[in-house]
Amino acid sequence: MGELTPLEEAVLTAMVLPSGLAVTAMIQEMVEKGGEVSATRKNLVWRENQEDREAFLATLRESREINQQLTLIASLNEVSLGISA
């Protein structure tokens, strides 16, 4: 494949910005959801109440899923964009 024309570069740049903004919004939503799940988990009396124990385990699973997704996004950004924390 050859070099991109200036028009093709402009189109590509115009497509990258909205997708980057969408990914940023998704990351922000996951971080907020993770905070909510963590706050919910802290309010449960899971040692004494079976329903709270089940809810605790569900929030723990959800937190792990969110963390795995954020870790994957971070890894992809590092590999594809050279961005690391």
PDB file of N, CA and C in Angstrom:
ATOM      1  N   MET A   1       0.836  -1.164   0.000  1.00  0.00           N
ATOM      2  CA  MET A   1       0.000   0.000   0.000  1.00  0.00           C
ATOM      3  C   MET A   1       0.885   1.233   0.000  1.00  0.00           C
ATOM      4  N   GLY A   2       0.531   2.230  -0.805  1.00  0.00           N
ATOM      5  CA  GLY A   2       1.348   3.424  -0.948  1.00  0.00           C
ATOM      6  C   GLY A   2       1.082   4.460   0.119  1.00  0.00           C
ATOM      7  N   GLU A   3       1.652   5.614  -0.113  1.00  0.00           N
ATOM      8  CA  GLU A   3       1.483   6.737   0.810  1.00  0.00           C
ATOM      9  C   GLU A   3       0.059   7.263   0.737  1.00  0.00           C
ATOM     10  N   LEU A   4      -0.385   7.848   1.824  1.00  0.00           N
ATOM     11  CA  LEU A   4      -1.708   8.446   1.852  1.00  0.00           C
ATOM     12  C   LEU A   4      -1.669   9.848   1.252  1.00  0.00           C
ATOM     13  N   THR A   5      -2.717  10.183   0.556  1.00  0.00           N
ATOM     14  CA  THR A   5      -2.840  11.549   0.045  1.00  0.00           C
ATOM     15  C   THR A   5      -3.236  12.454   1.209  1.00  0.00           C
ATOM     16  N   PRO A   6      -3.058  13.755   1.070  1.00  0.00           N
ATOM     17  CA  PRO A   6      -3.478  14.664   2.146  1.00  0.00           C
ATOM     18  C   PRO A   6      -4.959  14.514   2.500  1.00  0.00           C
ATOM     19  N   LEU A   7      -5.804  14.272   1.512  1.00  0.00           N
ATOM     20  CA  LEU A   7      -7.221  14.086   1.776  1.00  0.00           C
ATOM     21  C   LEU A   7      -7.454  12.813   2.579  1.00  0.00           C
ATOM     22  N   GLU A   8      -6.773  11.733   2.218  1.00  0.00           N
ATOM     23  CA  GLU A   8      -6.922  10.481   2.951  1.00  0.00           C
ATOM     24  C   GLU A   8      -6.438  10.620   4.396  1.00  0.00           C
ATOM     25  N   GLU A   9      -5.343  11.356   4.578  1.00  0.00           N
ATOM     26  CA  GLU A   9      -4.840  11.604   5.932  1.00  0.00           C
ATOM     27  C   GLU A   9      -5.855  12.391   6.750  1.00  0.00           C
ATOM     28  N   ALA A  10      -6.469  13.394   6.136  1.00  0.00           N
ATOM     29  CA  ALA A  10      -7.468  14.212   6.829  1.00  0.00           C
ATOM     30  C   ALA A  10      -8.687  13.374   7.210  1.00  0.00           C
ATOM     31  N   VAL A  11      -9.112  12.509   6.313  1.00  0.00           N
ATOM     32  CA  VAL A  11     -10.251  11.642   6.601  1.00  0.00           C
ATOM     33  C   VAL A  11      -9.912  10.691   7.746  1.00  0.00           C
ATOM     34  N   LEU A  12      -8.724  10.113   7.703  1.00  0.00           N
ATOM     35  CA  LEU A  12      -8.294   9.195   8.756  1.00  0.00           C
ATOM     36  C   LEU A  12      -8.223   9.916  10.098  1.00  0.00           C
ATOM     37  N   THR A  13      -7.658  11.101  10.114  1.00  0.00           N
ATOM     38  CA  THR A  13      -7.579  11.887  11.345  1.00  0.00           C
ATOM     39  C   THR A  13      -8.973  12.231  11.858  1.00  0.00           C
ATOM     40  N   ALA A  14      -9.861  12.580  10.962  1.00  0.00           N
ATOM     41  CA  ALA A  14     -11.230  12.914  11.349  1.00  0.00           C
ATOM     42  C   ALA A  14     -11.960  11.703  11.932  1.00  0.00           C
ATOM     43  N   MET A  15     -11.591  10.513  11.530  1.00  0.00           N
ATOM     44  CA  MET A  15     -12.221   9.295  12.045  1.00  0.00           C
ATOM     45  C   MET A  15     -11.622   8.883  13.392  1.00  0.00           C
ATOM     46  N   VAL A  16     -10.346   9.166  13.596  1.00  0.00           N
ATOM     47  CA  VAL A  16      -9.666   8.741  14.815  1.00  0.00           C
ATOM     48  C   VAL A  16     -10.137   9.550  16.025  1.00  0.00           C
ATOM     49  N   LEU A  17     -10.336  10.832  15.877  1.00  0.00           N
ATOM     50  CA  LEU A  17     -10.720  11.683  17.001  1.00  0.00           C
ATOM     51  C   LEU A  17     -12.035  11.247  17.653  1.00  0.00           C
ATOM     52  N   PRO A  18     -13.116  11.080  16.898  1.00  0.00           N
ATOM     53  CA  PRO A  18     -14.367  10.650  17.550  1.00  0.00           C
ATOM     54  C   PRO A  18     -14.259   9.281  18.218  1.00  0.00           C
ATOM     55  N   SER A  19     -13.521   8.375  17.610  1.00  0.00           N
ATOM     56  CA  SER A  19     -13.387   7.051  18.232  1.00  0.00           C
ATOM     57  C   SER A  19     -12.571   7.145  19.514  1.00  0.00           C
ATOM     58  N   GLY A  20     -11.571   7.998  19.541  1.00  0.00           N
ATOM     59  CA  GLY A  20     -10.793   8.205  20.761  1.00  0.00           C
ATOM     60  C   GLY A  20     -11.644   8.806  21.863  1.00  0.00           C
ATOM     61  N   LEU A  21     -12.501   9.738  21.501  1.00  0.00           N
ATOM     62  CA  LEU A  21     -13.399  10.344  22.481  1.00  0.00           C
ATOM     63  C   LEU A  21     -14.399   9.318  23.009  1.00  0.00           C
ATOM     64  N   ALA A  22     -14.881   8.460  22.135  1.00  0.00           N
ATOM     65  CA  ALA A  22     -15.826   7.422  22.557  1.00  0.00           C
ATOM     66  C   ALA A  22     -15.163   6.448  23.525  1.00  0.00           C
ATOM     67  N   VAL A  23     -13.936   6.061  23.244  1.00  0.00           N
ATOM     68  CA  VAL A  23     -13.213   5.151  24.134  1.00  0.00           C
ATOM     69  C   VAL A  23     -12.977   5.821  25.485  1.00  0.00           C
ATOM     70  N   THR A  24     -12.619   7.103  25.462  1.00  0.00           N
ATOM     71  CA  THR A  24     -12.415   7.837  26.705  1.00  0.00           C
ATOM     72  C   THR A  24     -13.696   7.877  27.539  1.00  0.00           C
ATOM     73  N   ALA A  25     -14.824   8.094  26.889  1.00  0.00           N
ATOM     74  CA  ALA A  25     -16.110   8.106  27.594  1.00  0.00           C
ATOM     75  C   ALA A  25     -16.414   6.730  28.184  1.00  0.00           C
ATOM     76  N   MET A  26     -16.117   5.674  27.447  1.00  0.00           N
ATOM     77  CA  MET A  26     -16.349   4.319  27.945  1.00  0.00           C
ATOM     78  C   MET A  26     -15.468   4.033  29.159  1.00  0.00           C
ATOM     79  N   ILE A  27     -14.216   4.469  29.110  1.00  0.00           N
ATOM     80  CA  ILE A  27     -13.307   4.269  30.240  1.00  0.00           C
ATOM     81  C   ILE A  27     -13.841   5.003  31.464  1.00  0.00           C
ATOM     82  N   GLN A  28     -14.284   6.240  31.258  1.00  0.00           N
ATOM     83  CA  GLN A  28     -14.826   7.020  32.368  1.00  0.00           C
ATOM     84  C   GLN A  28     -16.045   6.324  32.981  1.00  0.00           C
ATOM     85  N   GLU A  29     -16.916   5.783  32.136  1.00  0.00           N
ATOM     86  CA  GLU A  29     -18.088   5.058  32.630  1.00  0.00           C
ATOM     87  C   GLU A  29     -17.684   3.827  33.446  1.00  0.00           C
ATOM     88  N   MET A  30     -16.666   3.100  32.975  1.00  0.00           N
ATOM     89  CA  MET A  30     -16.211   1.913  33.699  1.00  0.00           C
ATOM     90  C   MET A  30     -15.612   2.297  35.052  1.00  0.00           C
ATOM     91  N   VAL A  31     -14.849   3.385  35.093  1.00  0.00           N
ATOM     92  CA  VAL A  31     -14.258   3.835  36.352  1.00  0.00           C
ATOM     93  C   VAL A  31     -15.358   4.234  37.333  1.00  0.00           C
ATOM     94  N   GLU A  32     -16.354   4.972  36.850  1.00  0.00           N
ATOM     95  CA  GLU A  32     -17.469   5.373  37.709  1.00  0.00           C
ATOM     96  C   GLU A  32     -18.242   4.154  38.210  1.00  0.00           C
ATOM     97  N   LYS A  33     -18.511   3.216  37.321  1.00  0.00           N
ATOM     98  CA  LYS A  33     -19.231   2.002  37.700  1.00  0.00           C
ATOM     99  C   LYS A  33     -18.428   1.210  38.734  1.00  0.00           C
ATOM    100  N   GLY A  34     -17.122   1.140  38.544  1.00  0.00           N
ATOM    101  CA  GLY A  34     -16.262   0.460  39.512  1.00  0.00           C
ATOM    102  C   GLY A  34     -16.337   1.108  40.884  1.00  0.00           C
ATOM    103  N   GLY A  35     -16.379   2.431  40.925  1.00  0.00           N
ATOM    104  CA  GLY A  35     -16.518   3.135  42.193  1.00  0.00           C
ATOM    105  C   GLY A  35     -17.849   2.854  42.860  1.00  0.00           C
ATOM    106  N   GLU A  36     -18.906   2.823  42.061  1.00  0.00           N
ATOM    107  CA  GLU A  36     -20.236   2.517  42.602  1.00  0.00           C
ATOM    108  C   GLU A  36     -20.293   1.102  43.160  1.00  0.00           C
ATOM    109  N   VAL A  37     -19.728   0.168  42.431  1.00  0.00           N
ATOM    110  CA  VAL A  37     -19.726  -1.233  42.869  1.00  0.00           C
ATOM    111  C   VAL A  37     -18.929  -1.372  44.161  1.00  0.00           C
ATOM    112  N   SER A  38     -17.804  -0.698  44.230  1.00  0.00           N
ATOM    113  CA  SER A  38     -16.973  -0.750  45.428  1.00  0.00           C
ATOM    114  C   SER A  38     -17.708  -0.161  46.629  1.00  0.00           C
ATOM    115  N   ALA A  39     -18.387   0.954  46.421  1.00  0.00           N
ATOM    116  CA  ALA A  39     -19.143   1.583  47.505  1.00  0.00           C
ATOM    117  C   ALA A  39     -20.278   0.666  47.972  1.00  0.00           C
ATOM    118  N   THR A  40     -20.945   0.029  47.026  1.00  0.00           N
ATOM    119  CA  THR A  40     -22.025  -0.910  47.376  1.00  0.00           C
ATOM    120  C   THR A  40     -21.477  -2.059  48.198  1.00  0.00           C
ATOM    121  N   ARG A  41     -20.348  -2.602  47.773  1.00  0.00           N
ATOM    122  CA  ARG A  41     -19.745  -3.745  48.462  1.00  0.00           C
ATOM    123  C   ARG A  41     -19.373  -3.377  49.906  1.00  0.00           C
ATOM    124  N   LYS A  42     -18.889  -2.155  50.117  1.00  0.00           N
ATOM    125  CA  LYS A  42     -18.487  -1.736  51.459  1.00  0.00           C
ATOM    126  C   LYS A  42     -19.673  -1.631  52.416  1.00  0.00           C
ATOM    127  N   ASN A  43     -20.867  -1.426  51.888  1.00  0.00           N
ATOM    128  CA  ASN A  43     -22.056  -1.274  52.734  1.00  0.00           C
ATOM    129  C   ASN A  43     -22.748  -2.594  53.055  1.00  0.00           C
ATOM    130  N   LEU A  44     -22.230  -3.682  52.549  1.00  0.00           N
ATOM    131  CA  LEU A  44     -22.873  -4.978  52.780  1.00  0.00           C
ATOM    132  C   LEU A  44     -22.379  -5.621  54.074  1.00  0.00           C
ATOM    133  N   VAL A  45     -23.286  -6.272  54.770  1.00  0.00           N
ATOM    134  CA  VAL A  45     -22.955  -7.006  55.995  1.00  0.00           C
ATOM    135  C   VAL A  45     -22.850  -8.480  55.604  1.00  0.00           C
ATOM    136  N   TRP A  46     -21.854  -8.802  54.838  1.00  0.00           N
ATOM    137  CA  TRP A  46     -21.768 -10.105  54.207  1.00  0.00           C
ATOM    138  C   TRP A  46     -21.400 -11.237  55.151  1.00  0.00           C
ATOM    139  N   ARG A  47     -20.826 -10.925  56.285  1.00  0.00           N
ATOM    140  CA  ARG A  47     -20.466 -12.004  57.220  1.00  0.00           C
ATOM    141  C   ARG A  47     -21.674 -12.540  57.986  1.00  0.00           C
ATOM    142  N   GLU A  48     -22.720 -11.741  58.066  1.00  0.00           N
ATOM    143  CA  GLU A  48     -23.866 -12.116  58.892  1.00  0.00           C
ATOM    144  C   GLU A  48     -25.145 -12.379  58.094  1.00  0.00           C
ATOM    145  N   ASN A  49     -25.168 -11.969  56.847  1.00  0.00           N
ATOM    146  CA  ASN A  49     -26.410 -12.029  56.079  1.00  0.00           C
ATOM    147  C   ASN A  49     -26.159 -12.764  54.763  1.00  0.00           C
ATOM    148  N   GLN A  50     -26.899 -13.826  54.518  1.00  0.00           N
ATOM    149  CA  GLN A  50     -26.702 -14.632  53.299  1.00  0.00           C
ATOM    150  C   GLN A  50     -26.974 -13.824  52.034  1.00  0.00           C
ATOM    151  N   GLU A  51     -28.030 -13.008  52.052  1.00  0.00           N
ATOM    152  CA  GLU A  51     -28.325 -12.188  50.864  1.00  0.00           C
ATOM    153  C   GLU A  51     -27.205 -11.199  50.605  1.00  0.00           C
ATOM    154  N   ASP A  52     -26.683 -10.583  51.656  1.00  0.00           N
ATOM    155  CA  ASP A  52     -25.563  -9.664  51.490  1.00  0.00           C
ATOM    156  C   ASP A  52     -24.317 -10.410  51.009  1.00  0.00           C
ATOM    157  N   ARG A  53     -24.140 -11.647  51.470  1.00  0.00           N
ATOM    158  CA  ARG A  53     -22.991 -12.438  51.037  1.00  0.00           C
ATOM    159  C   ARG A  53     -23.061 -12.686  49.527  1.00  0.00           C
ATOM    160  N   GLU A  54     -24.239 -13.027  49.039  1.00  0.00           N
ATOM    161  CA  GLU A  54     -24.418 -13.245  47.599  1.00  0.00           C
ATOM    162  C   GLU A  54     -24.206 -11.949  46.826  1.00  0.00           C
ATOM    163  N   ALA A  55     -24.727 -10.849  47.360  1.00  0.00           N
ATOM    164  CA  ALA A  55     -24.531  -9.551  46.708  1.00  0.00           C
ATOM    165  C   ALA A  55     -23.055  -9.165  46.737  1.00  0.00           C
ATOM    166  N   PHE A  56     -22.379  -9.455  47.843  1.00  0.00           N
ATOM    167  CA  PHE A  56     -20.947  -9.169  47.965  1.00  0.00           C
ATOM    168  C   PHE A  56     -20.162  -9.904  46.882  1.00  0.00           C
ATOM    169  N   LEU A  57     -20.466 -11.188  46.715  1.00  0.00           N
ATOM    170  CA  LEU A  57     -19.763 -11.978  45.704  1.00  0.00           C
ATOM    171  C   LEU A  57     -20.049 -11.460  44.298  1.00  0.00           C
ATOM    172  N   ALA A  58     -21.291 -11.036  44.051  1.00  0.00           N
ATOM    173  CA  ALA A  58     -21.644 -10.487  42.739  1.00  0.00           C
ATOM    174  C   ALA A  58     -20.886  -9.193  42.478  1.00  0.00           C
ATOM    175  N   THR A  59     -20.789  -8.326  43.495  1.00  0.00           N
ATOM    176  CA  THR A  59     -20.056  -7.066  43.300  1.00  0.00           C
ATOM    177  C   THR A  59     -18.562  -7.322  43.155  1.00  0.00           C
ATOM    178  N   LEU A  60     -18.070  -8.329  43.842  1.00  0.00           N
ATOM    179  CA  LEU A  60     -16.657  -8.682  43.698  1.00  0.00           C
ATOM    180  C   LEU A  60     -16.356  -9.151  42.278  1.00  0.00           C
ATOM    181  N   ARG A  61     -17.237  -9.994  41.737  1.00  0.00           N
ATOM    182  CA  ARG A  61     -17.068 -10.457  40.346  1.00  0.00           C
ATOM    183  C   ARG A  61     -17.130  -9.283  39.375  1.00  0.00           C
ATOM    184  N   GLU A  62     -18.092  -8.381  39.601  1.00  0.00           N
ATOM    185  CA  GLU A  62     -18.248  -7.236  38.707  1.00  0.00           C
ATOM    186  C   GLU A  62     -17.014  -6.331  38.766  1.00  0.00           C
ATOM    187  N   SER A  63     -16.476  -6.128  39.957  1.00  0.00           N
ATOM    188  CA  SER A  63     -15.263  -5.315  40.102  1.00  0.00           C
ATOM    189  C   SER A  63     -14.095  -5.937  39.343  1.00  0.00           C
ATOM    190  N   ARG A  64     -13.972  -7.241  39.457  1.00  0.00           N
ATOM    191  CA  ARG A  64     -12.881  -7.934  38.754  1.00  0.00           C
ATOM    192  C   ARG A  64     -13.043  -7.822  37.241  1.00  0.00           C
ATOM    193  N   GLU A  65     -14.276  -7.944  36.758  1.00  0.00           N
ATOM    194  CA  GLU A  65     -14.521  -7.810  35.316  1.00  0.00           C
ATOM    195  C   GLU A  65     -14.157  -6.412  34.830  1.00  0.00           C
ATOM    196  N   ILE A  66     -14.569  -5.402  35.584  1.00  0.00           N
ATOM    197  CA  ILE A  66     -14.256  -4.021  35.213  1.00  0.00           C
ATOM    198  C   ILE A  66     -12.740  -3.819  35.201  1.00  0.00           C
ATOM    199  N   ASN A  67     -12.056  -4.309  36.241  1.00  0.00           N
ATOM    200  CA  ASN A  67     -10.602  -4.168  36.299  1.00  0.00           C
ATOM    201  C   ASN A  67      -9.913  -4.889  35.141  1.00  0.00           C
ATOM    202  N   GLN A  68     -10.413  -6.053  34.774  1.00  0.00           N
ATOM    203  CA  GLN A  68      -9.833  -6.782  33.645  1.00  0.00           C
ATOM    204  C   GLN A  68     -10.015  -5.998  32.340  1.00  0.00           C
ATOM    205  N   GLN A  69     -11.193  -5.402  32.162  1.00  0.00           N
ATOM    206  CA  GLN A  69     -11.443  -4.610  30.959  1.00  0.00           C
ATOM    207  C   GLN A  69     -10.531  -3.392  30.908  1.00  0.00           C
ATOM    208  N   LEU A  70     -10.376  -2.713  32.040  1.00  0.00           N
ATOM    209  CA  LEU A  70      -9.495  -1.541  32.080  1.00  0.00           C
ATOM    210  C   LEU A  70      -8.040  -1.939  31.846  1.00  0.00           C
ATOM    211  N   THR A  71      -7.628  -3.076  32.378  1.00  0.00           N
ATOM    212  CA  THR A  71      -6.272  -3.572  32.156  1.00  0.00           C
ATOM    213  C   THR A  71      -6.047  -3.885  30.681  1.00  0.00           C
ATOM    214  N   LEU A  72      -7.033  -4.490  30.041  1.00  0.00           N
ATOM    215  CA  LEU A  72      -6.931  -4.790  28.609  1.00  0.00           C
ATOM    216  C   LEU A  72      -6.810  -3.506  27.797  1.00  0.00           C
ATOM    217  N   ILE A  73      -7.628  -2.521  28.109  1.00  0.00           N
ATOM    218  CA  ILE A  73      -7.568  -1.240  27.383  1.00  0.00           C
ATOM    219  C   ILE A  73      -6.194  -0.601  27.573  1.00  0.00           C
ATOM    220  N   ALA A  74      -5.685  -0.638  28.807  1.00  0.00           N
ATOM    221  CA  ALA A  74      -4.365  -0.063  29.076  1.00  0.00           C
ATOM    222  C   ALA A  74      -3.281  -0.790  28.285  1.00  0.00           C
ATOM    223  N   SER A  75      -3.369  -2.108  28.227  1.00  0.00           N
ATOM    224  CA  SER A  75      -2.383  -2.893  27.474  1.00  0.00           C
ATOM    225  C   SER A  75      -2.450  -2.580  25.984  1.00  0.00           C
ATOM    226  N   LEU A  76      -3.668  -2.472  25.459  1.00  0.00           N
ATOM    227  CA  LEU A  76      -3.827  -2.148  24.044  1.00  0.00           C
ATOM    228  C   LEU A  76      -3.267  -0.757  23.732  1.00  0.00           C
ATOM    229  N   ASN A  77      -3.528   0.204  24.621  1.00  0.00           N
ATOM    230  CA  ASN A  77      -2.995   1.543  24.415  1.00  0.00           C
ATOM    231  C   ASN A  77      -1.475   1.550  24.457  1.00  0.00           C
ATOM    232  N   GLU A  78      -0.904   0.753  25.341  1.00  0.00           N
ATOM    233  CA  GLU A  78       0.555   0.681  25.426  1.00  0.00           C
ATOM    234  C   GLU A  78       1.147   0.098  24.157  1.00  0.00           C
ATOM    235  N   VAL A  79       0.547  -0.991  23.680  1.00  0.00           N
ATOM    236  CA  VAL A  79       1.083  -1.655  22.493  1.00  0.00           C
ATOM    237  C   VAL A  79       0.857  -0.817  21.223  1.00  0.00           C
ATOM    238  N   SER A  80      -0.358  -0.280  21.068  1.00  0.00           N
ATOM    239  CA  SER A  80      -0.679   0.384  19.809  1.00  0.00           C
ATOM    240  C   SER A  80      -0.245   1.846  19.780  1.00  0.00           C
ATOM    241  N   LEU A  81      -0.245   2.511  20.937  1.00  0.00           N
ATOM    242  CA  LEU A  81       0.034   3.958  20.950  1.00  0.00           C
ATOM    243  C   LEU A  81       1.280   4.313  21.734  1.00  0.00           C
ATOM    244  N   GLY A  82       1.862   3.364  22.418  1.00  0.00           N
ATOM    245  CA  GLY A  82       3.036   3.645  23.232  1.00  0.00           C
ATOM    246  C   GLY A  82       2.699   4.405  24.513  1.00  0.00           C
ATOM    247  N   ILE A  83       1.437   4.356  24.928  1.00  0.00           N
ATOM    248  CA  ILE A  83       1.001   5.067  26.131  1.00  0.00           C
ATOM    249  C   ILE A  83       1.031   4.090  27.294  1.00  0.00           C
ATOM    250  N   SER A  84       1.754   4.437  28.359  1.00  0.00           N
ATOM    251  CA  SER A  84       1.769   3.589  29.544  1.00  0.00           C
ATOM    252  C   SER A  84       1.760   4.464  30.783  1.00  0.00           C
ATOM    253  N   ALA A  85       1.301   3.873  31.871  1.00  0.00           N
ATOM    254  CA  ALA A  85       1.234   4.630  33.131  1.00  0.00           C
ATOM    255  C   ALA A  85       2.396   4.265  34.017  1.00  0.00           C
TER     256      ALA A  85
END
